[in-house]
Amino acid sequence: QWVYNILEKKAEADRIVHENPDPSNGFVLVPDLKWNQNQLEDLYLIALVHRREIKSLRDLTAEHLPLLRNVLQEGKEAIVQRFSVPGSQLRIYLHYQPSYHHLHVHFTALGYDAPGSSVERAHLLADVIDNLAMDSTYYQKRALTFPLRADEPLFKKFQEAGKV
């Protein structure tokens, strides 16, 4: 609901850094709640796409390339305009498994070791775009490794199925 409240401007409208209102290829860029916006060393923003049917990396196909390219390009442009941080100094990625199931992209300062920015969970947006350009169903077919904490319900389901 938090995501939908932002997209519908019922909450945090004053925090929006950039918005592309296009219903198919648009998104909203907002500072992550973990970032106090006082220093750029731990810059952290989230792009929330307007399309509600895209839940995670697994849902992406080549059809979504215009959306993903918009997020990458416009997100970098908005951050350089607002915070003077160039795209070369950003880590731009998606999580798998995501913490919530509405497609969102993380923009963090390259030097910031943000939670979940490690290789086991983070998939660089530029790589995602390249993979989908080569194979439209790449993320439906590819095995994706991801870490789970022992207390997570999904981990318990893997245990019950004898997969751990």
Protein backbone atom coordinates (compact mmCIF):
# COMPACT_ATOMS: atom_id res chain seq x y z
CA GLN A 1 0.00 0.00 0.00
CA TRP A 2 2.93 2.33 0.75
CA VAL A 3 4.04 2.04 -2.89
CA TYR A 4 0.54 2.74 -4.24
CA ASN A 5 0.16 5.74 -1.93
CA ILE A 6 3.34 7.24 -3.39
CA LEU A 7 2.33 6.48 -6.98
CA GLU A 8 -1.11 8.04 -6.38
CA LYS A 9 0.47 10.99 -4.52
CA LYS A 10 -1.51 10.22 -1.34
CA ALA A 11 1.78 10.12 0.56
CA GLU A 12 5.29 11.53 0.22
CA ALA A 13 4.38 13.68 -2.80
CA ASP A 14 6.74 16.36 -1.48
CA ARG A 15 9.64 13.84 -1.57
CA ILE A 16 9.37 13.03 -5.30
CA VAL A 17 12.66 13.80 -7.04
CA HIS A 18 11.42 12.92 -10.53
CA GLU A 19 8.32 11.54 -12.18
CA ASN A 20 7.60 10.26 -15.64
CA PRO A 21 3.77 9.98 -15.63
CA ASP A 22 3.52 7.62 -18.62
CA PRO A 23 1.35 4.69 -17.43
CA SER A 24 3.34 2.13 -19.42
CA ASN A 25 6.93 3.36 -19.27
CA GLY A 26 6.86 5.85 -16.40
CA PHE A 27 7.98 5.80 -12.80
CA VAL A 28 8.43 7.90 -9.66
CA LEU A 29 11.88 8.47 -8.13
CA VAL A 30 11.92 9.06 -4.36
CA PRO A 31 14.59 9.04 -1.66
CA ASP A 32 14.68 5.75 0.23
CA LEU A 33 13.50 6.05 3.82
CA LYS A 34 16.94 4.81 4.96
CA TRP A 35 18.60 7.94 3.53
CA ASN A 36 18.36 11.20 5.48
CA GLN A 37 19.33 13.24 2.37
CA ASN A 38 22.01 15.14 4.30
CA GLN A 39 25.11 13.54 2.79
CA LEU A 40 25.80 12.10 -0.63
CA GLU A 41 28.11 9.30 0.58
CA ASP A 42 25.05 7.14 1.34
CA LEU A 43 22.74 8.46 -1.39
CA TYR A 44 19.83 6.06 -1.81
CA LEU A 45 16.80 6.53 -4.04
CA ILE A 46 14.11 4.15 -5.29
CA ALA A 47 12.35 4.22 -8.67
CA LEU A 48 8.81 2.82 -8.41
CA VAL A 49 7.30 1.93 -11.77
CA HIS A 50 3.71 2.91 -12.51
CA ARG A 51 2.83 -0.52 -13.92
CA ARG A 52 1.34 -2.61 -11.12
CA GLU A 53 1.42 -5.98 -12.85
CA ILE A 54 5.24 -6.19 -12.82
CA LYS A 55 6.09 -7.72 -9.46
CA SER A 56 9.76 -8.65 -9.79
CA LEU A 57 12.70 -9.43 -12.03
CA ARG A 58 10.98 -12.72 -12.98
CA ASP A 59 8.15 -10.83 -14.72
CA LEU A 60 10.41 -8.83 -17.04
CA THR A 61 10.55 -9.50 -20.78
CA ALA A 62 11.83 -7.56 -23.79
CA GLU A 63 8.43 -5.80 -23.82
CA HIS A 64 9.62 -3.92 -20.71
CA LEU A 65 12.84 -2.61 -22.27
CA PRO A 66 11.45 0.90 -22.95
CA LEU A 67 10.39 1.13 -19.29
CA LEU A 68 13.75 -0.12 -17.99
CA ARG A 69 15.69 2.18 -20.29
CA ASN A 70 13.58 5.15 -19.11
CA VAL A 71 14.26 4.31 -15.47
CA LEU A 72 17.99 4.03 -16.14
CA GLN A 73 18.36 7.18 -18.24
CA GLU A 74 15.88 9.51 -16.55
CA GLY A 75 16.87 8.31 -13.08
CA LYS A 76 20.53 9.13 -13.71
CA GLU A 77 19.63 12.51 -15.24
CA ALA A 78 17.39 13.44 -12.28
CA ILE A 79 20.08 12.49 -9.76
CA VAL A 80 22.80 14.49 -11.50
CA GLN A 81 20.47 17.52 -11.75
CA ARG A 82 19.26 17.36 -8.14
CA PHE A 83 22.32 16.02 -6.30
CA SER A 84 25.21 16.59 -8.77
CA VAL A 85 26.13 12.89 -8.62
CA PRO A 86 26.99 11.54 -12.09
CA GLY A 87 25.70 8.19 -13.32
CA SER A 88 29.23 6.79 -13.22
CA GLN A 89 29.10 7.18 -9.43
CA LEU A 90 25.86 5.24 -9.00
CA ARG A 91 25.02 1.57 -8.45
CA ILE A 92 21.63 0.93 -10.12
CA TYR A 93 20.07 -2.44 -9.43
CA LEU A 94 17.04 -4.63 -8.72
CA HIS A 95 16.77 -7.12 -5.88
CA TYR A 96 15.87 -10.75 -6.26
CA GLN A 97 14.11 -11.73 -4.09
CA PRO A 98 12.59 -8.26 -3.61
CA SER A 99 11.49 -7.03 -0.19
CA TYR A 100 8.10 -6.08 -1.69
CA HIS A 101 6.46 -7.29 -4.89
CA HIS A 102 6.12 -4.18 -7.02
CA LEU A 103 8.94 -3.58 -9.50
CA HIS A 104 11.35 -1.02 -8.13
CA VAL A 105 14.94 -0.05 -8.90
CA HIS A 106 17.56 1.01 -6.35
CA PHE A 107 19.92 3.94 -7.03
CA THR A 108 22.76 4.13 -4.50
CA ALA A 109 26.09 5.92 -4.28
CA LEU A 110 28.77 3.63 -5.67
CA GLY A 111 30.83 3.83 -2.47
CA TYR A 112 27.88 3.07 -0.19
CA ASP A 113 27.59 -0.55 0.93
CA ALA A 114 23.80 -0.52 1.02
CA PRO A 115 21.93 -3.51 2.47
CA GLY A 116 21.23 -5.98 -0.32
CA SER A 117 23.68 -4.41 -2.78
CA SER A 118 25.91 -7.49 -2.83
CA VAL A 119 26.11 -9.81 -5.81
CA GLU A 120 23.88 -12.52 -4.29
CA ARG A 121 20.83 -10.27 -4.31
CA ALA A 122 21.49 -7.28 -6.57
CA HIS A 123 21.14 -7.42 -10.36
CA LEU A 124 22.52 -4.38 -12.16
CA LEU A 125 19.86 -2.68 -14.27
CA ALA A 126 22.24 -2.28 -17.24
CA ASP A 127 22.86 -6.05 -17.17
CA VAL A 128 19.12 -6.76 -16.91
CA ILE A 129 18.52 -4.60 -19.99
CA ASP A 130 21.30 -6.36 -21.93
CA ASN A 131 20.04 -9.82 -20.92
CA LEU A 132 16.47 -9.05 -22.01
CA ALA A 133 17.69 -7.53 -25.28
CA MET A 134 19.45 -10.84 -26.04
CA ASP A 135 16.64 -13.12 -24.81
CA SER A 136 13.14 -11.83 -24.07
CA THR A 137 12.42 -14.61 -21.57
CA TYR A 138 15.85 -14.61 -19.90
CA TYR A 139 14.49 -14.11 -16.36
CA GLN A 140 11.77 -16.72 -16.74
CA LYS A 141 14.38 -19.37 -17.63
CA ARG A 142 17.46 -18.44 -15.63
CA ALA A 143 18.23 -19.96 -12.24
CA LEU A 144 18.58 -17.09 -9.78
CA THR A 145 20.52 -17.65 -6.56
CA PHE A 146 19.50 -15.54 -3.59
CA PRO A 147 20.20 -15.53 0.15
CA LEU A 148 17.55 -16.17 2.79
CA ARG A 149 17.70 -15.71 6.56
CA ALA A 150 16.91 -18.79 8.63
CA ASP A 151 13.83 -17.08 10.12
CA GLU A 152 12.21 -16.24 6.75
CA PRO A 153 9.02 -18.15 5.86
CA LEU A 154 10.36 -18.88 2.36
CA PHE A 155 13.43 -20.57 3.89
CA LYS A 156 11.11 -22.79 5.96
CA LYS A 157 9.25 -23.79 2.78
CA PHE A 158 12.53 -24.75 1.11
CA GLN A 159 13.39 -26.83 4.19
CA GLU A 160 10.01 -28.57 4.13
CA ALA A 161 10.51 -29.39 0.44
CA GLY A 162 13.96 -30.84 1.17
CA LYS A 163 15.71 -28.22 -0.98
CA VAL A 164 18.02 -26.96 1.80
